[in-house]
C-alpha atoms as a PDB file:
ATOM      1  CA  MET A   1      -6.689 -15.393  12.694  1.00  0.00           C
ATOM      2  CA  THR A   2      -6.236 -18.954  11.501  1.00  0.00           C
ATOM      3  CA  HIS A   3      -4.432 -20.989   8.853  1.00  0.00           C
ATOM      4  CA  TYR A   4      -7.619 -22.801   7.891  1.00  0.00           C
ATOM      5  CA  PHE A   5     -10.483 -21.793   5.678  1.00  0.00           C
ATOM      6  CA  GLU A   6     -12.353 -25.011   4.824  1.00  0.00           C
ATOM      7  CA  ASP A   7     -14.937 -24.643   7.593  1.00  0.00           C
ATOM      8  CA  ALA A   8     -15.575 -20.932   7.023  1.00  0.00           C
ATOM      9  CA  ILE A   9     -17.443 -19.028   4.341  1.00  0.00           C
ATOM     10  CA  THR A  10     -14.692 -17.577   2.148  1.00  0.00           C
ATOM     11  CA  ASP A  11     -15.535 -15.063  -0.555  1.00  0.00           C
ATOM     12  CA  PHE A  12     -12.024 -14.149  -1.711  1.00  0.00           C
ATOM     13  CA  PHE A  13      -8.706 -15.970  -2.055  1.00  0.00           C
ATOM     14  CA  PHE A  14      -5.649 -13.716  -2.300  1.00  0.00           C
ATOM     15  CA  ILE A  15      -2.302 -15.116  -3.465  1.00  0.00           C
ATOM     16  CA  PHE A  16       0.580 -12.618  -3.307  1.00  0.00           C
ATOM     17  CA  HIS A  17       4.071 -12.488  -4.730  1.00  0.00           C
ATOM     18  CA  GLY A  18       5.951  -9.302  -3.900  1.00  0.00           C
ATOM     19  CA  ASN A  19       3.649  -6.396  -4.741  1.00  0.00           C
ATOM     20  CA  CYS A  20       1.609  -8.508  -7.177  1.00  0.00           C
ATOM     21  CA  ILE A  21      -1.552 -10.587  -6.838  1.00  0.00           C
ATOM     22  CA  LEU A  22      -2.573 -13.699  -8.773  1.00  0.00           C
ATOM     23  CA  VAL A  23      -5.540 -13.297 -11.154  1.00  0.00           C
ATOM     24  CA  LYS A  24      -7.039 -15.298 -13.992  1.00  0.00           C
ATOM     25  CA  LYS A  25      -5.939 -14.489 -17.521  1.00  0.00           C
ATOM     26  CA  ARG A  26      -8.629 -12.944 -19.655  1.00  0.00           C
ATOM     27  CA  SER A  27      -9.427 -14.859 -22.820  1.00  0.00           C
ATOM     28  CA  ASN A  28      -9.741 -13.251 -26.249  1.00  0.00           C
ATOM     29  CA  ALA A  29     -13.497 -13.454 -25.751  1.00  0.00           C
ATOM     30  CA  GLY A  30     -13.260 -11.251 -22.694  1.00  0.00           C
ATOM     31  CA  GLY A  31     -14.086 -12.425 -19.208  1.00  0.00           C
ATOM     32  CA  LEU A  32     -14.015 -10.828 -15.817  1.00  0.00           C
ATOM     33  CA  ALA A  33     -11.210  -8.380 -15.085  1.00  0.00           C
ATOM     34  CA  HIS A  34      -8.987  -9.317 -12.153  1.00  0.00           C
ATOM     35  CA  GLU A  35     -10.840 -12.558 -11.421  1.00  0.00           C
ATOM     36  CA  LEU A  36      -9.300 -14.058  -8.288  1.00  0.00           C
ATOM     37  CA  PRO A  37      -8.267 -17.702  -7.741  1.00  0.00           C
ATOM     38  CA  ASP A  38     -10.727 -20.172  -6.260  1.00  0.00           C
ATOM     39  CA  ALA A  39     -10.368 -22.471  -3.250  1.00  0.00           C
ATOM     40  CA  ASN A  40      -8.925 -25.255  -5.410  1.00  0.00           C
ATOM     41  CA  ILE A  41      -5.940 -23.165  -6.565  1.00  0.00           C
ATOM     42  CA  TYR A  42      -5.388 -21.916  -3.018  1.00  0.00           C
ATOM     43  CA  LYS A  43      -5.421 -25.435  -1.591  1.00  0.00           C
ATOM     44  CA  LYS A  44      -3.069 -26.741  -4.286  1.00  0.00           C
ATOM     45  CA  CYS A  45      -0.495 -24.090  -3.362  1.00  0.00           C
ATOM     46  CA  VAL A  46      -0.661 -25.352   0.237  1.00  0.00           C
ATOM     47  CA  ASP A  47      -0.583 -29.038  -0.722  1.00  0.00           C
ATOM     48  CA  TYR A  48       2.350 -28.558  -3.115  1.00  0.00           C
ATOM     49  CA  GLN A  49       4.252 -26.685  -0.403  1.00  0.00           C
ATOM     50  CA  VAL A  50       4.897 -23.602  -2.512  1.00  0.00           C
ATOM     51  CA  ALA A  51       3.348 -21.213   0.021  1.00  0.00           C
ATOM     52  CA  LYS A  52       5.738 -19.285   2.254  1.00  0.00           C
ATOM     53  CA  ASP A  53       2.910 -18.247   4.560  1.00  0.00           C
ATOM     54  CA  TRP A  54      -0.864 -18.514   4.579  1.00  0.00           C
ATOM     55  CA  PHE A  55      -3.656 -17.399   6.852  1.00  0.00           C
ATOM     56  CA  ALA A  56      -7.375 -16.670   6.918  1.00  0.00           C
ATOM     57  CA  GLU A  57      -9.676 -14.199   8.639  1.00  0.00           C
ATOM     58  CA  PRO A  58     -13.063 -15.972   8.759  1.00  0.00           C
ATOM     59  CA  GLN A  59     -14.769 -12.857  10.105  1.00  0.00           C
ATOM     60  CA  ASN A  60     -13.742 -11.023   6.925  1.00  0.00           C
ATOM     61  CA  ARG A  61     -14.444 -14.024   4.686  1.00  0.00           C
ATOM     62  CA  TYR A  62     -11.066 -14.188   2.973  1.00  0.00           C
ATOM     63  CA  ALA A  63      -7.958 -16.356   2.923  1.00  0.00           C
ATOM     64  CA  ALA A  64      -4.511 -15.163   1.834  1.00  0.00           C
ATOM     65  CA  MET A  65      -1.070 -16.532   1.168  1.00  0.00           C
ATOM     66  CA  THR A  66       2.367 -15.465   0.044  1.00  0.00           C
ATOM     67  CA  LEU A  67       4.217 -17.743  -2.381  1.00  0.00           C
ATOM     68  CA  ALA A  68       7.808 -18.734  -1.864  1.00  0.00           C
ATOM     69  CA  GLU A  69      10.235 -17.628  -4.557  1.00  0.00           C
ATOM     70  CA  PRO A  70      10.582 -18.607  -7.324  1.00  0.00           C
ATOM     71  CA  GLN A  71       7.434 -20.510  -8.242  1.00  0.00           C
ATOM     72  CA  PRO A  72       5.697 -21.211 -11.576  1.00  0.00           C
ATOM     73  CA  VAL A  73       2.408 -19.449 -12.212  1.00  0.00           C
ATOM     74  CA  PRO A  74      -0.607 -21.827 -12.213  1.00  0.00           C
ATOM     75  CA  GLN A  75      -1.940 -22.487 -15.695  1.00  0.00           C
ATOM     76  CA  GLY A  76      -4.453 -19.876 -16.801  1.00  0.00           C
ATOM     77  CA  TYR A  77      -3.280 -17.286 -14.262  1.00  0.00           C
ATOM     78  CA  GLU A  78      -0.919 -14.317 -14.245  1.00  0.00           C
ATOM     79  CA  TRP A  79       0.553 -11.786 -11.844  1.00  0.00           C
ATOM     80  CA  GLU A  80      -0.955  -8.300 -11.760  1.00  0.00           C
ATOM     81  CA  PRO A  81       0.203  -5.357  -9.631  1.00  0.00           C
ATOM     82  CA  LEU A  82      -1.960  -5.209  -6.522  1.00  0.00           C
ATOM     83  CA  ARG A  83      -2.588  -1.526  -7.183  1.00  0.00           C
ATOM     84  CA  SER A  84      -4.437  -2.523 -10.383  1.00  0.00           C
ATOM     85  CA  LEU A  85      -7.291  -3.748  -8.159  1.00  0.00           C
ATOM     86  CA  PHE A  86      -7.480  -0.267  -6.641  1.00  0.00           C
ATOM     87  CA  ALA A  87      -7.544   1.344 -10.089  1.00  0.00           C
ATOM     88  CA  ALA A  88     -10.337  -0.994 -11.206  1.00  0.00           C
ATOM     89  CA  GLU A  89     -12.290  -0.353  -7.993  1.00  0.00           C
ATOM     90  CA  HIS A  90     -12.494  -4.115  -7.529  1.00  0.00           C
ATOM     91  CA  PRO A  91     -14.948  -5.058  -4.749  1.00  0.00           C
ATOM     92  CA  ALA A  92     -12.187  -7.012  -3.026  1.00  0.00           C
ATOM     93  CA  ALA A  93      -9.611  -4.191  -3.162  1.00  0.00           C
ATOM     94  CA  PRO A  94     -10.048  -3.004   0.458  1.00  0.00           C
ATOM     95  CA  LEU A  95      -9.759  -6.549   1.794  1.00  0.00           C
ATOM     96  CA  ALA A  96      -6.804  -7.258  -0.509  1.00  0.00           C
ATOM     97  CA  ALA A  97      -5.051  -4.197   0.913  1.00  0.00           C
ATOM     98  CA  ARG A  98      -5.714  -5.459   4.425  1.00  0.00           C
ATOM     99  CA  ALA A  99      -4.518  -8.973   3.572  1.00  0.00           C
ATOM    100  CA  ALA A 100      -1.337  -7.686   1.911  1.00  0.00           C
ATOM    101  CA  GLY A 101      -0.582  -5.479   4.887  1.00  0.00           C
ATOM    102  CA  ILE A 102      -1.079  -8.351   7.324  1.00  0.00           C
ATOM    103  CA  ALA A 103       1.050 -10.636   5.139  1.00  0.00           C
ATOM    104  CA  ASN A 104       3.886  -8.089   5.201  1.00  0.00           C
ATOM    105  CA  TRP A 105       3.506  -7.692   8.970  1.00  0.00           C
ATOM    106  CA  ARG A 106       3.632 -11.468   9.507  1.00  0.00           C
ATOM    107  CA  GLN A 107       6.759 -11.733   7.379  1.00  0.00           C
ATOM    108  CA  ASN A 108       8.513  -9.015   9.396  1.00  0.00           C
ATOM    109  CA  THR A 109       7.177 -10.002  12.836  1.00  0.00           C
ATOM    110  CA  ARG A 110       8.445 -13.491  13.489  1.00  0.00           C
ATOM    111  CA  PHE A 111      10.377 -13.166  16.752  1.00  0.00           C
ATOM    112  CA  CYS A 112       9.787 -11.358  20.021  1.00  0.00           C
ATOM    113  CA  SER A 113      11.693  -8.062  20.248  1.00  0.00           C
ATOM    114  CA  SER A 114      11.801  -8.450  24.048  1.00  0.00           C
ATOM    115  CA  CYS A 115      13.184 -11.955  24.572  1.00  0.00           C
ATOM    116  CA  GLY A 116      13.810 -13.278  21.043  1.00  0.00           C
ATOM    117  CA  GLY A 117      11.317 -16.121  21.300  1.00  0.00           C
ATOM    118  CA  PRO A 118       9.325 -17.334  18.266  1.00  0.00           C
ATOM    119  CA  LEU A 119       5.853 -15.882  17.727  1.00  0.00           C
ATOM    120  CA  SER A 120       2.622 -17.763  17.078  1.00  0.00           C
ATOM    121  CA  ASP A 121      -0.815 -16.572  15.971  1.00  0.00           C
ATOM    122  CA  ASP A 122      -3.278 -15.474  18.631  1.00  0.00           C
ATOM    123  CA  LYS A 123      -6.436 -17.598  18.560  1.00  0.00           C
ATOM    124  CA  TYR A 124      -8.869 -14.715  18.837  1.00  0.00           C
ATOM    125  CA  GLU A 125      -7.248 -11.468  17.694  1.00  0.00           C
ATOM    126  CA  THR A 126      -5.174 -10.192  14.800  1.00  0.00           C
ATOM    127  CA  ALA A 127      -2.024 -10.519  16.822  1.00  0.00           C
ATOM    128  CA  ARG A 128       1.051 -12.666  17.376  1.00  0.00           C
ATOM    129  CA  VAL A 129       2.106 -13.935  20.786  1.00  0.00           C
ATOM    130  CA  CYS A 130       5.557 -14.836  22.052  1.00  0.00           C
ATOM    131  CA  THR A 131       5.691 -18.518  22.950  1.00  0.00           C
ATOM    132  CA  LEU A 132       8.236 -17.799  25.716  1.00  0.00           C
ATOM    133  CA  CYS A 133       7.275 -14.577  27.493  1.00  0.00           C
ATOM    134  CA  GLY A 134       3.687 -14.122  26.283  1.00  0.00           C
ATOM    135  CA  ARG A 135       4.169 -10.602  24.913  1.00  0.00           C
ATOM    136  CA  GLU A 136       1.584  -9.655  22.263  1.00  0.00           C
ATOM    137  CA  PHE A 137       2.327  -7.957  18.951  1.00  0.00           C
ATOM    138  CA  PHE A 138      -0.338  -6.231  16.863  1.00  0.00           C
ATOM    139  CA  PRO A 139      -0.075  -4.929  13.274  1.00  0.00           C
ATOM    140  CA  SER A 140       1.216  -1.370  13.138  1.00  0.00           C
ATOM    141  CA  LEU A 141       0.631   1.343  10.558  1.00  0.00           C
ATOM    142  CA  SER A 142       3.043   4.008   9.358  1.00  0.00           C
ATOM    143  CA  PRO A 143       1.088   7.263   8.848  1.00  0.00           C
ATOM    144  CA  CYS A 144       2.304   9.328   5.897  1.00  0.00           C
ATOM    145  CA  ILE A 145       1.174  12.619   4.427  1.00  0.00           C
ATOM    146  CA  ILE A 146       0.890  13.191   0.700  1.00  0.00           C
ATOM    147  CA  VAL A 147       0.179  16.759  -0.352  1.00  0.00           C
ATOM    148  CA  LEU A 148      -0.672  18.628  -3.525  1.00  0.00           C
ATOM    149  CA  VAL A 149       0.671  22.191  -3.325  1.00  0.00           C
ATOM    150  CA  LYS A 150      -0.898  24.826  -5.601  1.00  0.00           C
ATOM    151  CA  LYS A 151       0.370  28.243  -6.655  1.00  0.00           C
ATOM    152  CA  GLU A 152      -1.761  30.411  -8.928  1.00  0.00           C
ATOM    153  CA  GLY A 153      -3.351  27.341 -10.502  1.00  0.00           C
ATOM    154  CA  LYS A 154      -0.070  25.449 -10.946  1.00  0.00           C
ATOM    155  CA  LEU A 155       0.825  22.188  -9.193  1.00  0.00           C
ATOM    156  CA  LEU A 156       4.085  21.409  -7.390  1.00  0.00           C
ATOM    157  CA  LEU A 157       5.252  17.943  -8.478  1.00  0.00           C
ATOM    158  CA  ALA A 158       8.553  16.181  -7.967  1.00  0.00           C
ATOM    159  CA  ARG A 159      10.620  13.239  -9.158  1.00  0.00           C
ATOM    160  CA  HIS A 160      11.755  11.263  -6.125  1.00  0.00           C
ATOM    161  CA  LYS A 161      15.073   9.431  -5.929  1.00  0.00           C
ATOM    162  CA  GLN A 162      13.625   6.519  -3.937  1.00  0.00           C
ATOM    163  CA  ARG A 163      10.727   5.833  -6.333  1.00  0.00           C
ATOM    164  CA  ASN A 164      10.045   5.545 -10.061  1.00  0.00           C
ATOM    165  CA  THR A 165      12.243   8.353 -11.312  1.00  0.00           C
ATOM    166  CA  ASN A 166      10.285   8.803 -14.551  1.00  0.00           C
ATOM    167  CA  LEU A 167       7.155   9.870 -12.646  1.00  0.00           C
ATOM    168  CA  TYR A 168       6.317  13.267 -11.236  1.00  0.00           C
ATOM    169  CA  THR A 169       4.138  13.069  -8.164  1.00  0.00           C
ATOM    170  CA  CYS A 170       3.052  14.837  -4.992  1.00  0.00           C
ATOM    171  CA  LEU A 171       5.384  15.466  -2.109  1.00  0.00           C
ATOM    172  CA  ALA A 172       5.037  12.914   0.663  1.00  0.00           C
ATOM    173  CA  GLY A 173       6.678  11.757   3.854  1.00  0.00           C
ATOM    174  CA  TYR A 174       6.283   9.921   7.128  1.00  0.00           C
ATOM    175  CA  MET A 175       4.859  11.602  10.187  1.00  0.00           C
ATOM    176  CA  GLU A 176       7.178  11.971  13.152  1.00  0.00           C
ATOM    177  CA  PRO A 177       6.297  11.489  16.849  1.00  0.00           C
ATOM    178  CA  GLY A 178       4.527  14.502  18.298  1.00  0.00           C
ATOM    179  CA  GLU A 179       3.535  15.986  14.941  1.00  0.00           C
ATOM    180  CA  THR A 180       0.086  16.945  13.757  1.00  0.00           C
ATOM    181  CA  ILE A 181      -0.854  16.301  10.144  1.00  0.00           C
ATOM    182  CA  GLU A 182      -0.506  20.010   9.393  1.00  0.00           C
ATOM    183  CA  GLN A 183       2.953  20.223  10.977  1.00  0.00           C
ATOM    184  CA  CYS A 184       4.084  17.198   8.995  1.00  0.00           C
ATOM    185  CA  VAL A 185       2.884  18.766   5.736  1.00  0.00           C
ATOM    186  CA  GLU A 186       4.703  22.013   6.499  1.00  0.00           C
ATOM    187  CA  ARG A 187       7.916  20.222   7.448  1.00  0.00           C
ATOM    188  CA  GLU A 188       8.008  17.778   4.537  1.00  0.00           C
ATOM    189  CA  VAL A 189       7.282  20.418   1.885  1.00  0.00           C
ATOM    190  CA  PHE A 190       9.889  22.787   3.306  1.00  0.00           C
ATOM    191  CA  GLU A 191      12.537  20.063   3.769  1.00  0.00           C
ATOM    192  CA  GLU A 192      12.112  18.656   0.264  1.00  0.00           C
ATOM    193  CA  THR A 193      11.609  21.871  -1.734  1.00  0.00           C
ATOM    194  CA  GLY A 194      12.264  24.931   0.461  1.00  0.00           C
ATOM    195  CA  ILE A 195       8.654  26.063  -0.054  1.00  0.00           C
ATOM    196  CA  LYS A 196       6.451  27.306   2.790  1.00  0.00           C
ATOM    197  CA  VAL A 197       2.736  26.472   2.586  1.00  0.00           C
ATOM    198  CA  LYS A 198      -0.525  27.629   4.149  1.00  0.00           C
ATOM    199  CA  ASN A 199      -4.235  26.713   4.218  1.00  0.00           C
ATOM    200  CA  ILE A 200      -3.607  22.983   4.622  1.00  0.00           C
ATOM    201  CA  ARG A 201      -6.769  20.940   4.119  1.00  0.00           C
ATOM    202  CA  TYR A 202      -7.461  17.241   4.507  1.00  0.00           C
ATOM    203  CA  ALA A 203      -8.698  15.538   1.311  1.00  0.00           C
ATOM    204  CA  LYS A 204      -8.828  11.750   1.680  1.00  0.00           C
ATOM    205  CA  SER A 205      -6.923   8.780   3.096  1.00  0.00           C
ATOM    206  CA  GLN A 206      -5.853   5.483   1.560  1.00  0.00           C
ATOM    207  CA  SER A 207      -4.476   2.261   2.948  1.00  0.00           C
ATOM    208  CA  TRP A 208      -1.266   1.570   1.029  1.00  0.00           C
ATOM    209  CA  PRO A 209       0.154  -1.850   1.943  1.00  0.00           C
ATOM    210  CA  PHE A 210       3.643  -1.354   0.456  1.00  0.00           C
ATOM    211  CA  PRO A 211       4.368  -2.352   3.137  1.00  0.00           C
ATOM    212  CA  ASP A 212       2.237  -0.665   5.825  1.00  0.00           C
ATOM    213  CA  GLN A 213       1.411   2.969   5.089  1.00  0.00           C
ATOM    214  CA  LEU A 214      -1.731   4.908   5.838  1.00  0.00           C
ATOM    215  CA  MET A 215      -1.611   7.722   3.293  1.00  0.00           C
ATOM    216  CA  ILE A 216      -3.211  10.986   4.451  1.00  0.00           C
ATOM    217  CA  GLY A 217      -3.977  13.122   1.404  1.00  0.00           C
ATOM    218  CA  CYS A 218      -3.952  16.913   1.751  1.00  0.00           C
ATOM    219  CA  HIS A 219      -4.179  20.106  -0.270  1.00  0.00           C
ATOM    220  CA  ALA A 220      -2.038  23.151   0.530  1.00  0.00           C
ATOM    221  CA  GLU A 221      -1.427  26.595  -0.931  1.00  0.00           C
ATOM    222  CA  TYR A 222       1.937  28.193  -1.676  1.00  0.00           C
ATOM    223  CA  GLU A 223       2.947  30.879   0.804  1.00  0.00           C
ATOM    224  CA  SER A 224       6.568  31.792   0.043  1.00  0.00           C
ATOM    225  CA  GLY A 225       9.973  30.603  -1.073  1.00  0.00           C
ATOM    226  CA  GLU A 226      11.809  29.390  -4.170  1.00  0.00           C
ATOM    227  CA  ILE A 227      12.305  25.756  -5.069  1.00  0.00           C
ATOM    228  CA  LYS A 228      15.499  24.318  -3.637  1.00  0.00           C
ATOM    229  CA  VAL A 229      15.321  20.532  -3.625  1.00  0.00           C
ATOM    230  CA  GLN A 230      16.606  18.231  -0.918  1.00  0.00           C
ATOM    231  CA  GLN A 231      19.157  16.404  -3.055  1.00  0.00           C
ATOM    232  CA  GLU A 232      19.146  13.240  -0.944  1.00  0.00           C
ATOM    233  CA  GLU A 233      15.431  12.764  -1.626  1.00  0.00           C
ATOM    234  CA  ILE A 234      14.414  14.672  -4.762  1.00  0.00           C
ATOM    235  CA  HIS A 235      15.746  14.668  -8.323  1.00  0.00           C
ATOM    236  CA  GLU A 236      13.674  17.615  -9.461  1.00  0.00           C
ATOM    237  CA  ALA A 237      10.629  19.659  -8.407  1.00  0.00           C
ATOM    238  CA  LEU A 238       8.704  21.916 -10.791  1.00  0.00           C
ATOM    239  CA  TRP A 239       5.433  23.818 -11.133  1.00  0.00           C
ATOM    240  CA  PHE A 240       3.065  22.374 -13.758  1.00  0.00           C
ATOM    241  CA  SER A 241      -0.212  23.630 -15.140  1.00  0.00           C
ATOM    242  CA  ALA A 242      -3.123  21.183 -14.922  1.00  0.00           C
ATOM    243  CA  ASP A 243      -3.427  20.972 -18.721  1.00  0.00           C
ATOM    244  CA  GLU A 244       0.293  20.286 -19.290  1.00  0.00           C
ATOM    245  CA  LEU A 245       1.072  17.529 -16.820  1.00  0.00           C
ATOM    246  CA  PRO A 246       4.155  15.295 -17.066  1.00  0.00           C
ATOM    247  CA  GLN A 247       3.992  11.543 -16.547  1.00  0.00           C
ATOM    248  CA  ILE A 248       2.195  11.020 -13.234  1.00  0.00           C
ATOM    249  CA  PRO A 249       1.268   7.950 -11.131  1.00  0.00           C
ATOM    250  CA  PRO A 250      -1.460   5.759 -12.648  1.00  0.00           C
ATOM    251  CA  PRO A 251      -5.066   5.478 -11.424  1.00  0.00           C
ATOM    252  CA  GLY A 252      -5.539   3.614  -8.182  1.00  0.00           C
ATOM    253  CA  SER A 253      -3.263   5.853  -6.144  1.00  0.00           C
ATOM    254  CA  LEU A 254      -4.080   8.795  -3.939  1.00  0.00           C
ATOM    255  CA  ALA A 255      -1.478  10.819  -5.833  1.00  0.00           C
ATOM    256  CA  TRP A 256      -3.404  10.341  -9.089  1.00  0.00           C
ATOM    257  CA  GLU A 257      -6.642  11.475  -7.459  1.00  0.00           C
ATOM    258  CA  LEU A 258      -5.026  14.589  -6.020  1.00  0.00           C
ATOM    259  CA  ILE A 259      -3.215  15.592  -9.211  1.00  0.00           C
ATOM    260  CA  THR A 260      -6.185  15.016 -11.514  1.00  0.00           C
ATOM    261  CA  GLY A 261      -8.569  16.895  -9.240  1.00  0.00           C
ATOM    262  CA  LYS A 262     -10.740  13.895  -8.375  1.00  0.00           C
ATOM    263  CA  ILE A 263     -10.568  14.906  -4.721  1.00  0.00           C
END
């Protein structure tokens, strides 16, 4: 990992602000959707000292930065939610997810948890090294399950207190040490709704860099129980038929794919 990109072949330049990414505005005549900034815009952000952090991975042919707050948007550009690249199946979406995850990790991994010394970038690996004791720190992922539970053709969806409360989505939660994916699904569904499930099946995974999740999508079937929500986590959980869905997460998310039957 390096701060520099001039001497490397760079296909994509990612500029982040919160959970958004900088893209070119589309003119009335059309234009490319989600067109990313070029090297000139990237370099200007560095030269004008508006970047909070920046780095490049030459082996992956991209450079990324996070802007300090608040900063004006460069002329002809606008902020778009990063997830919009996923929804559009943008060719750079996987790398953008990686870059955003690394940017979040760098922001939250600045000092050694062993001795308190400042960290610097490793010259050869995606890692940070303590300048005092030499301890290495690598990016970590937080594995989460997200599960669509079905009962006689109906889908179990919930409004979560910690997320957009106007959306109904799948049940989800972080895996705990020692758990298998199946055990995590059983525990999370039962804790949040009082429902027991069976026939748990893996569907698909998705990197979700908000800030560092690896979402593990699953299907499960209702076994027993009545809905009794965990009030600290869930506003409401209900069974919905596939042709009468409430407001659900937009395309680009694993939840949308599960609920709409894409996977």
